[in-house]
Amino acid sequence: MADRRQSLLDAALRLVEEGGLDAVTIAALTDRSGMSNGSIYHHFGSRAGVFAQLYADSYARCVGAMLPALDAPTAEAGVRTLTLSYLDWVIANPSRARFLYAAPDHADPEAKMVEFAPVLAWFLDRMASGELRAVPAWTLEPVAMGPAHESVRRFLLGVFDLAGAREIIADAVWAVLSP
């Protein structure tokens, strides 16, 4: 059962990669995956359900790639490693990253918060201890990670060397959060 769901998600991701969100239709999914309409509706309920699950799956993989950074010995090492882990995940998974940036309206905000909770707790603990600049939690993504997000957007457009700039980006994120 899990293999069938993953096969459908993989087919949806390939369709998005080839033609954007509009390329993902139930008919295209049945053609690409070899599964019936009934299987798609059984597993996901709708096209929107496919997108929601693809978003959740991709986001979980992205956050999972960052979790080892939470064991860094210092706040600076943690911020830099979190940033570099995120950038490296994007470089290794451009299709999933492109989907995350293209389809934020398919995210379940509560599920994202649950997935991101360990990272958020790490930041909040270090802010409380003075190891990081105390900023409102809502600023972490748009402000602190802003240099990373903008660089990723440009990389996904094919106009930016993310691998070549990764250390500079990590420096920029640390500069925002250093005490």
Protein backbone atom coordinates (compact mmCIF):
# COMPACT_ATOMS: atom_id res chain seq x y z
CA MET A 1 0.00 0.00 0.00
CA ALA A 2 2.78 2.43 0.94
CA ASP A 3 4.63 1.56 -2.28
CA ARG A 4 1.55 2.41 -4.37
CA ARG A 5 1.17 5.76 -2.60
CA GLN A 6 4.86 6.54 -3.09
CA SER A 7 4.67 5.54 -6.76
CA LEU A 8 1.80 7.97 -7.25
CA LEU A 9 3.69 10.74 -5.46
CA ASP A 10 6.79 10.05 -7.55
CA ALA A 11 4.68 10.21 -10.72
CA ALA A 12 3.15 13.50 -9.58
CA LEU A 13 6.59 14.94 -8.84
CA ARG A 14 7.86 13.98 -12.31
CA LEU A 15 4.79 15.58 -13.90
CA VAL A 16 5.37 18.80 -11.92
CA GLU A 17 9.01 18.76 -12.96
CA GLU A 18 8.10 18.36 -16.62
CA GLY A 19 5.17 20.74 -16.88
CA GLY A 20 4.41 22.52 -13.62
CA LEU A 21 1.43 22.08 -11.34
CA ASP A 22 -1.05 22.22 -14.21
CA ALA A 23 0.51 19.07 -15.71
CA VAL A 24 -0.71 17.04 -12.75
CA THR A 25 -4.15 15.80 -13.70
CA ILE A 26 -5.81 12.59 -12.66
CA ALA A 27 -5.57 11.37 -16.26
CA ALA A 28 -1.85 12.19 -16.41
CA LEU A 29 -1.29 10.44 -13.08
CA THR A 30 -3.06 7.30 -14.28
CA ASP A 31 -1.00 7.32 -17.48
CA ARG A 32 2.29 7.94 -15.69
CA SER A 33 1.77 5.60 -12.75
CA GLY A 34 -0.18 2.84 -14.45
CA MET A 35 -2.74 2.97 -11.64
CA SER A 36 -6.45 3.48 -11.96
CA ASN A 37 -8.47 6.59 -11.16
CA GLY A 38 -9.92 4.62 -8.28
CA SER A 39 -6.49 4.01 -6.78
CA ILE A 40 -5.66 7.70 -6.93
CA TYR A 41 -8.94 8.71 -5.32
CA HIS A 42 -8.63 5.90 -2.78
CA HIS A 43 -5.16 6.99 -1.66
CA PHE A 44 -5.48 10.78 -1.92
CA GLY A 45 -9.14 11.72 -2.39
CA SER A 46 -8.42 14.26 -5.11
CA ARG A 47 -5.76 16.08 -7.09
CA ALA A 48 -5.48 18.52 -4.17
CA GLY A 49 -4.93 15.53 -1.89
CA VAL A 50 -2.02 14.40 -4.08
CA PHE A 51 -0.49 17.87 -3.82
CA ALA A 52 -1.04 18.01 -0.05
CA GLN A 53 0.66 14.66 0.47
CA LEU A 54 3.50 15.51 -1.93
CA TYR A 55 4.04 18.75 -0.03
CA ALA A 56 4.01 16.98 3.36
CA ASP A 57 6.38 14.29 2.10
CA SER A 58 8.81 16.78 0.57
CA TYR A 59 8.74 19.08 3.59
CA ALA A 60 9.37 16.15 5.96
CA ARG A 61 12.38 15.08 3.88
CA CYS A 62 13.73 18.64 3.89
CA VAL A 63 13.38 19.07 7.65
CA GLY A 64 14.74 15.57 8.21
CA ALA A 65 17.89 16.54 6.35
CA MET A 66 18.39 19.43 8.78
CA LEU A 67 17.78 17.57 12.05
CA PRO A 68 21.35 16.25 12.49
CA ALA A 69 22.51 19.88 12.68
CA LEU A 70 20.70 20.23 15.99
CA ASP A 71 23.55 18.28 17.60
CA ALA A 72 26.10 20.98 16.75
CA PRO A 73 28.34 21.95 19.68
CA THR A 74 27.72 25.72 19.42
CA ALA A 75 24.90 27.98 18.30
CA GLU A 76 27.02 29.32 15.45
CA ALA A 77 27.87 25.83 14.25
CA GLY A 78 24.20 24.88 14.53
CA VAL A 79 22.93 27.85 12.50
CA ARG A 80 25.57 27.37 9.85
CA THR A 81 25.03 23.60 9.66
CA LEU A 82 21.24 23.98 9.54
CA THR A 83 21.61 26.44 6.69
CA LEU A 84 24.14 24.32 4.81
CA SER A 85 22.03 21.19 5.32
CA TYR A 86 19.01 22.98 3.87
CA LEU A 87 20.99 24.25 0.87
CA ASP A 88 22.54 20.84 0.28
CA TRP A 89 19.09 19.22 0.41
CA VAL A 90 17.85 21.68 -2.22
CA ILE A 91 20.85 20.99 -4.47
CA ALA A 92 20.26 17.23 -4.14
CA ASN A 93 16.46 17.48 -4.50
CA PRO A 94 15.67 20.35 -6.89
CA SER A 95 12.34 18.87 -8.02
CA ARG A 96 11.04 18.57 -4.48
CA ALA A 97 12.39 22.00 -3.56
CA ARG A 98 10.80 23.53 -6.65
CA PHE A 99 7.49 21.94 -5.65
CA LEU A 100 7.73 23.31 -2.11
CA TYR A 101 8.30 26.82 -3.44
CA ALA A 102 5.62 26.50 -6.14
CA ALA A 103 2.85 25.02 -4.04
CA PRO A 104 2.84 26.57 -0.55
CA ASP A 105 -0.96 26.74 -0.60
CA HIS A 106 -1.01 22.94 -0.46
CA ALA A 107 0.77 22.86 2.88
CA ASP A 108 -1.05 21.97 6.06
CA PRO A 109 0.21 24.68 8.44
CA GLU A 110 -0.39 22.55 11.53
CA ALA A 111 1.46 19.58 10.06
CA LYS A 112 4.35 21.86 9.07
CA MET A 113 4.59 23.18 12.62
CA VAL A 114 4.69 19.65 14.03
CA GLU A 115 7.42 18.66 11.57
CA PHE A 116 9.43 21.84 12.24
CA ALA A 117 8.94 21.75 16.03
CA PRO A 118 12.36 20.30 16.90
CA VAL A 119 14.14 22.95 14.82
CA LEU A 120 12.01 25.73 16.26
CA ALA A 121 12.62 24.48 19.81
CA TRP A 122 16.38 24.45 19.12
CA PHE A 123 16.25 28.08 18.01
CA LEU A 124 14.04 29.19 20.89
CA ASP A 125 16.25 27.46 23.49
CA ARG A 126 19.34 29.21 22.15
CA MET A 127 17.58 32.55 22.02
CA ALA A 128 16.47 32.13 25.63
CA SER A 129 20.03 31.32 26.70
CA GLY A 130 21.46 34.32 24.81
CA GLU A 131 23.43 32.17 22.36
CA LEU A 132 21.34 33.60 19.52
CA ARG A 133 19.80 36.99 18.99
CA ALA A 134 16.27 36.96 20.36
CA VAL A 135 13.86 37.49 17.50
CA PRO A 136 10.18 36.64 17.21
CA ALA A 137 9.73 33.05 16.02
CA TRP A 138 7.77 34.20 12.97
CA THR A 139 10.90 35.99 11.69
CA LEU A 140 13.02 32.85 11.44
CA GLU A 141 11.78 31.82 8.01
CA PRO A 142 11.39 35.18 6.19
CA VAL A 143 14.11 37.22 7.90
CA ALA A 144 16.77 34.90 9.30
CA MET A 145 16.51 32.38 6.47
CA GLY A 146 15.75 35.09 3.90
CA PRO A 147 19.21 34.93 2.31
CA ALA A 148 18.87 31.16 1.93
CA HIS A 149 15.34 31.34 0.52
CA GLU A 150 16.16 34.02 -2.03
CA SER A 151 19.29 32.16 -3.10
CA VAL A 152 17.30 28.93 -3.47
CA ARG A 153 14.65 30.69 -5.56
CA ARG A 154 17.33 31.96 -7.93
CA PHE A 155 19.01 28.55 -8.04
CA LEU A 156 15.70 26.91 -8.95
CA LEU A 157 15.33 29.43 -11.77
CA GLY A 158 18.74 28.39 -13.03
CA VAL A 159 20.40 31.77 -12.51
CA PHE A 160 22.41 31.23 -9.31
CA ASP A 161 25.29 28.98 -8.25
CA LEU A 162 23.95 27.74 -4.93
CA ALA A 163 26.81 25.31 -4.36
CA GLY A 164 29.36 28.07 -4.90
CA ALA A 165 27.60 30.49 -2.56
CA ARG A 166 26.60 28.14 0.25
CA GLU A 167 29.24 29.33 2.76
CA ILE A 168 28.43 33.00 2.07
CA ILE A 169 24.74 32.26 2.59
CA ALA A 170 25.47 30.49 5.88
CA ASP A 171 27.52 33.54 6.94
CA ALA A 172 24.56 35.81 6.12
CA VAL A 173 22.11 33.73 8.14
CA TRP A 174 24.53 33.63 11.08
CA ALA A 175 24.97 37.42 10.83
CA VAL A 176 21.21 37.87 11.31
CA LEU A 177 21.08 35.60 14.34
CA SER A 178 24.41 36.17 16.06
CA PRO A 179 23.96 37.78 19.49
